[in-house]
Amino acid sequence: SQHTRVSSPLLSRFDLIFVMLDSSDEMRDSRIASFLLNQSIQGSGLDVSSTVPNNNMEEFHHWSMEKLRGYISTVKERFHPTLSPEAALLLQRHYTRCRDTASYSQGNSP
């Protein structure tokens, strides 16, 4: 029970317990993310190349605005995502904070 963080009474109800470990590995995570993105926009002409060329994190490339807009458009068309009120509020607060920071860094008073 100490490795699974599940109480002993609950563990006693199962015959087998499989522990899955999720270790953090930037290059592996990037390859998985690229694979998942490619699967979601497959055939749209916006396929994602591996973001970690030659296993070197220093050569990381950001998407162009055109590719990002195309990806967002494809996701909207295929999955019809919705934004919860809580998420909308979080985005609004983050945007306001970013604008305040930009205004402050340009010498304007917050």
C-alpha atoms as a PDB file:
ATOM      1  CA  SER A   1       0.000   0.000   0.000  1.00  0.00           C
ATOM      2  CA  GLN A   2       2.937   2.375   0.474  1.00  0.00           C
ATOM      3  CA  HIS A   3       3.884   2.219  -3.238  1.00  0.00           C
ATOM      4  CA  THR A   4       0.360   2.648  -4.567  1.00  0.00           C
ATOM      5  CA  ARG A   5      -0.909   5.199  -2.049  1.00  0.00           C
ATOM      6  CA  VAL A   6      -4.104   3.162  -1.782  1.00  0.00           C
ATOM      7  CA  SER A   7      -5.405   2.045   1.596  1.00  0.00           C
ATOM      8  CA  SER A   8      -5.000  -1.595   2.629  1.00  0.00           C
ATOM      9  CA  PRO A   9      -8.762  -2.325   2.873  1.00  0.00           C
ATOM     10  CA  LEU A  10      -9.229  -1.188  -0.716  1.00  0.00           C
ATOM     11  CA  LEU A  11      -6.179  -3.132  -1.921  1.00  0.00           C
ATOM     12  CA  SER A  12      -7.501  -6.328  -0.322  1.00  0.00           C
ATOM     13  CA  ARG A  13     -10.445  -6.299  -2.792  1.00  0.00           C
ATOM     14  CA  PHE A  14      -8.204  -6.881  -5.806  1.00  0.00           C
ATOM     15  CA  ASP A  15      -6.412 -10.052  -6.905  1.00  0.00           C
ATOM     16  CA  LEU A  16      -3.772  -8.244  -8.965  1.00  0.00           C
ATOM     17  CA  ILE A  17      -2.405  -4.718  -8.789  1.00  0.00           C
ATOM     18  CA  PHE A  18      -0.365  -3.324 -11.679  1.00  0.00           C
ATOM     19  CA  VAL A  19       1.771  -0.315 -10.846  1.00  0.00           C
ATOM     20  CA  MET A  20       2.406   2.067 -13.733  1.00  0.00           C
ATOM     21  CA  LEU A  21       5.213   4.547 -13.312  1.00  0.00           C
ATOM     22  CA  ASP A  22       5.282   7.790 -15.281  1.00  0.00           C
ATOM     23  CA  SER A  23       8.789   9.159 -15.268  1.00  0.00           C
ATOM     24  CA  SER A  24       9.538  12.573 -16.734  1.00  0.00           C
ATOM     25  CA  ASP A  25      11.678  12.550 -19.879  1.00  0.00           C
ATOM     26  CA  GLU A  26      11.544  15.697 -22.038  1.00  0.00           C
ATOM     27  CA  MET A  27      12.572  14.044 -25.301  1.00  0.00           C
ATOM     28  CA  ARG A  28      10.205  11.090 -24.866  1.00  0.00           C
ATOM     29  CA  ASP A  29       7.346  13.398 -23.846  1.00  0.00           C
ATOM     30  CA  SER A  30       7.976  15.580 -26.910  1.00  0.00           C
ATOM     31  CA  ARG A  31       7.894  12.566 -29.235  1.00  0.00           C
ATOM     32  CA  ILE A  32       4.636  11.372 -27.662  1.00  0.00           C
ATOM     33  CA  ALA A  33       3.109  14.853 -27.976  1.00  0.00           C
ATOM     34  CA  SER A  34       4.129  15.037 -31.656  1.00  0.00           C
ATOM     35  CA  PHE A  35       2.605  11.615 -32.290  1.00  0.00           C
ATOM     36  CA  LEU A  36      -0.677  12.561 -30.616  1.00  0.00           C
ATOM     37  CA  LEU A  37      -0.852  15.876 -32.468  1.00  0.00           C
ATOM     38  CA  ASN A  38      -0.204  14.122 -35.780  1.00  0.00           C
ATOM     39  CA  GLN A  39      -2.995  11.648 -35.040  1.00  0.00           C
ATOM     40  CA  SER A  40      -5.492  14.426 -34.326  1.00  0.00           C
ATOM     41  CA  ILE A  41      -4.747  16.488 -37.463  1.00  0.00           C
ATOM     42  CA  GLN A  42      -3.839  13.662 -39.828  1.00  0.00           C
ATOM     43  CA  GLY A  43      -4.677  14.490 -43.434  1.00  0.00           C
ATOM     44  CA  SER A  44      -5.113  18.223 -42.857  1.00  0.00           C
ATOM     45  CA  GLY A  45      -1.737  19.072 -44.411  1.00  0.00           C
ATOM     46  CA  LEU A  46      -0.501  20.409 -41.092  1.00  0.00           C
ATOM     47  CA  ASP A  47       1.290  17.299 -39.867  1.00  0.00           C
ATOM     48  CA  VAL A  48       3.677  17.981 -37.021  1.00  0.00           C
ATOM     49  CA  SER A  49       7.298  17.079 -37.580  1.00  0.00           C
ATOM     50  CA  SER A  50       9.147  15.775 -34.581  1.00  0.00           C
ATOM     51  CA  THR A  51       9.859  18.733 -32.326  1.00  0.00           C
ATOM     52  CA  VAL A  52      13.092  17.139 -31.108  1.00  0.00           C
ATOM     53  CA  PRO A  53      15.331  16.707 -34.155  1.00  0.00           C
ATOM     54  CA  ASN A  54      18.316  14.400 -33.645  1.00  0.00           C
ATOM     55  CA  ASN A  55      17.448  13.969 -29.938  1.00  0.00           C
ATOM     56  CA  ASN A  56      18.794  17.456 -29.196  1.00  0.00           C
ATOM     57  CA  MET A  57      16.580  19.694 -27.052  1.00  0.00           C
ATOM     58  CA  GLU A  58      18.666  22.751 -28.026  1.00  0.00           C
ATOM     59  CA  GLU A  59      17.257  22.504 -31.574  1.00  0.00           C
ATOM     60  CA  PHE A  60      13.639  22.805 -30.394  1.00  0.00           C
ATOM     61  CA  HIS A  61      11.488  24.587 -32.992  1.00  0.00           C
ATOM     62  CA  HIS A  62       8.291  26.500 -32.303  1.00  0.00           C
ATOM     63  CA  TRP A  63       5.336  26.314 -34.658  1.00  0.00           C
ATOM     64  CA  SER A  64       4.729  29.159 -37.065  1.00  0.00           C
ATOM     65  CA  MET A  65       1.570  31.230 -36.544  1.00  0.00           C
ATOM     66  CA  GLU A  66       0.138  29.726 -39.750  1.00  0.00           C
ATOM     67  CA  LYS A  67       0.589  26.174 -38.451  1.00  0.00           C
ATOM     68  CA  LEU A  68      -0.818  27.074 -35.020  1.00  0.00           C
ATOM     69  CA  ARG A  69      -3.879  28.751 -36.567  1.00  0.00           C
ATOM     70  CA  GLY A  70      -4.393  25.749 -38.851  1.00  0.00           C
ATOM     71  CA  TYR A  71      -4.148  23.343 -35.926  1.00  0.00           C
ATOM     72  CA  ILE A  72      -6.655  25.320 -33.859  1.00  0.00           C
ATOM     73  CA  SER A  73      -9.009  25.495 -36.852  1.00  0.00           C
ATOM     74  CA  THR A  74      -8.751  21.736 -37.435  1.00  0.00           C
ATOM     75  CA  VAL A  75      -9.411  20.962 -33.766  1.00  0.00           C
ATOM     76  CA  LYS A  76     -12.454  23.276 -33.762  1.00  0.00           C
ATOM     77  CA  GLU A  77     -13.887  21.617 -36.878  1.00  0.00           C
ATOM     78  CA  ARG A  78     -13.304  18.022 -35.758  1.00  0.00           C
ATOM     79  CA  PHE A  79     -13.883  18.111 -32.005  1.00  0.00           C
ATOM     80  CA  HIS A  80     -16.091  21.177 -31.333  1.00  0.00           C
ATOM     81  CA  PRO A  81     -14.407  22.005 -28.003  1.00  0.00           C
ATOM     82  CA  THR A  82     -16.227  24.089 -25.415  1.00  0.00           C
ATOM     83  CA  LEU A  83     -14.801  26.356 -22.762  1.00  0.00           C
ATOM     84  CA  SER A  84     -16.170  26.074 -19.242  1.00  0.00           C
ATOM     85  CA  PRO A  85     -16.929  29.297 -17.353  1.00  0.00           C
ATOM     86  CA  GLU A  86     -14.087  28.498 -14.940  1.00  0.00           C
ATOM     87  CA  ALA A  87     -11.602  28.070 -17.798  1.00  0.00           C
ATOM     88  CA  ALA A  88     -12.835  31.288 -19.434  1.00  0.00           C
ATOM     89  CA  LEU A  89     -12.265  33.168 -16.180  1.00  0.00           C
ATOM     90  CA  LEU A  90      -8.791  31.656 -15.816  1.00  0.00           C
ATOM     91  CA  LEU A  91      -7.866  32.712 -19.374  1.00  0.00           C
ATOM     92  CA  GLN A  92      -9.269  36.195 -18.800  1.00  0.00           C
ATOM     93  CA  ARG A  93      -7.206  36.638 -15.649  1.00  0.00           C
ATOM     94  CA  HIS A  94      -4.063  35.338 -17.341  1.00  0.00           C
ATOM     95  CA  TYR A  95      -4.565  37.658 -20.330  1.00  0.00           C
ATOM     96  CA  THR A  96      -5.093  40.638 -18.004  1.00  0.00           C
ATOM     97  CA  ARG A  97      -1.954  39.734 -16.047  1.00  0.00           C
ATOM     98  CA  CYS A  98       0.068  39.433 -19.275  1.00  0.00           C
ATOM     99  CA  ARG A  99      -1.209  42.812 -20.483  1.00  0.00           C
ATOM    100  CA  ASP A 100      -0.420  44.424 -17.119  1.00  0.00           C
ATOM    101  CA  THR A 101       3.097  42.967 -17.189  1.00  0.00           C
ATOM    102  CA  ALA A 102       3.671  44.172 -20.769  1.00  0.00           C
ATOM    103  CA  SER A 103       2.357  47.619 -19.915  1.00  0.00           C
ATOM    104  CA  TYR A 104       4.568  47.801 -16.817  1.00  0.00           C
ATOM    105  CA  SER A 105       7.684  46.690 -18.729  1.00  0.00           C
ATOM    106  CA  GLN A 106       7.105  49.435 -21.311  1.00  0.00           C
ATOM    107  CA  GLY A 107       7.201  52.056 -18.579  1.00  0.00           C
ATOM    108  CA  ASN A 108       3.485  52.664 -18.291  1.00  0.00           C
ATOM    109  CA  SER A 109       1.967  52.627 -14.838  1.00  0.00           C
ATOM    110  CA  PRO A 110       0.008  49.443 -14.042  1.00  0.00           C
END
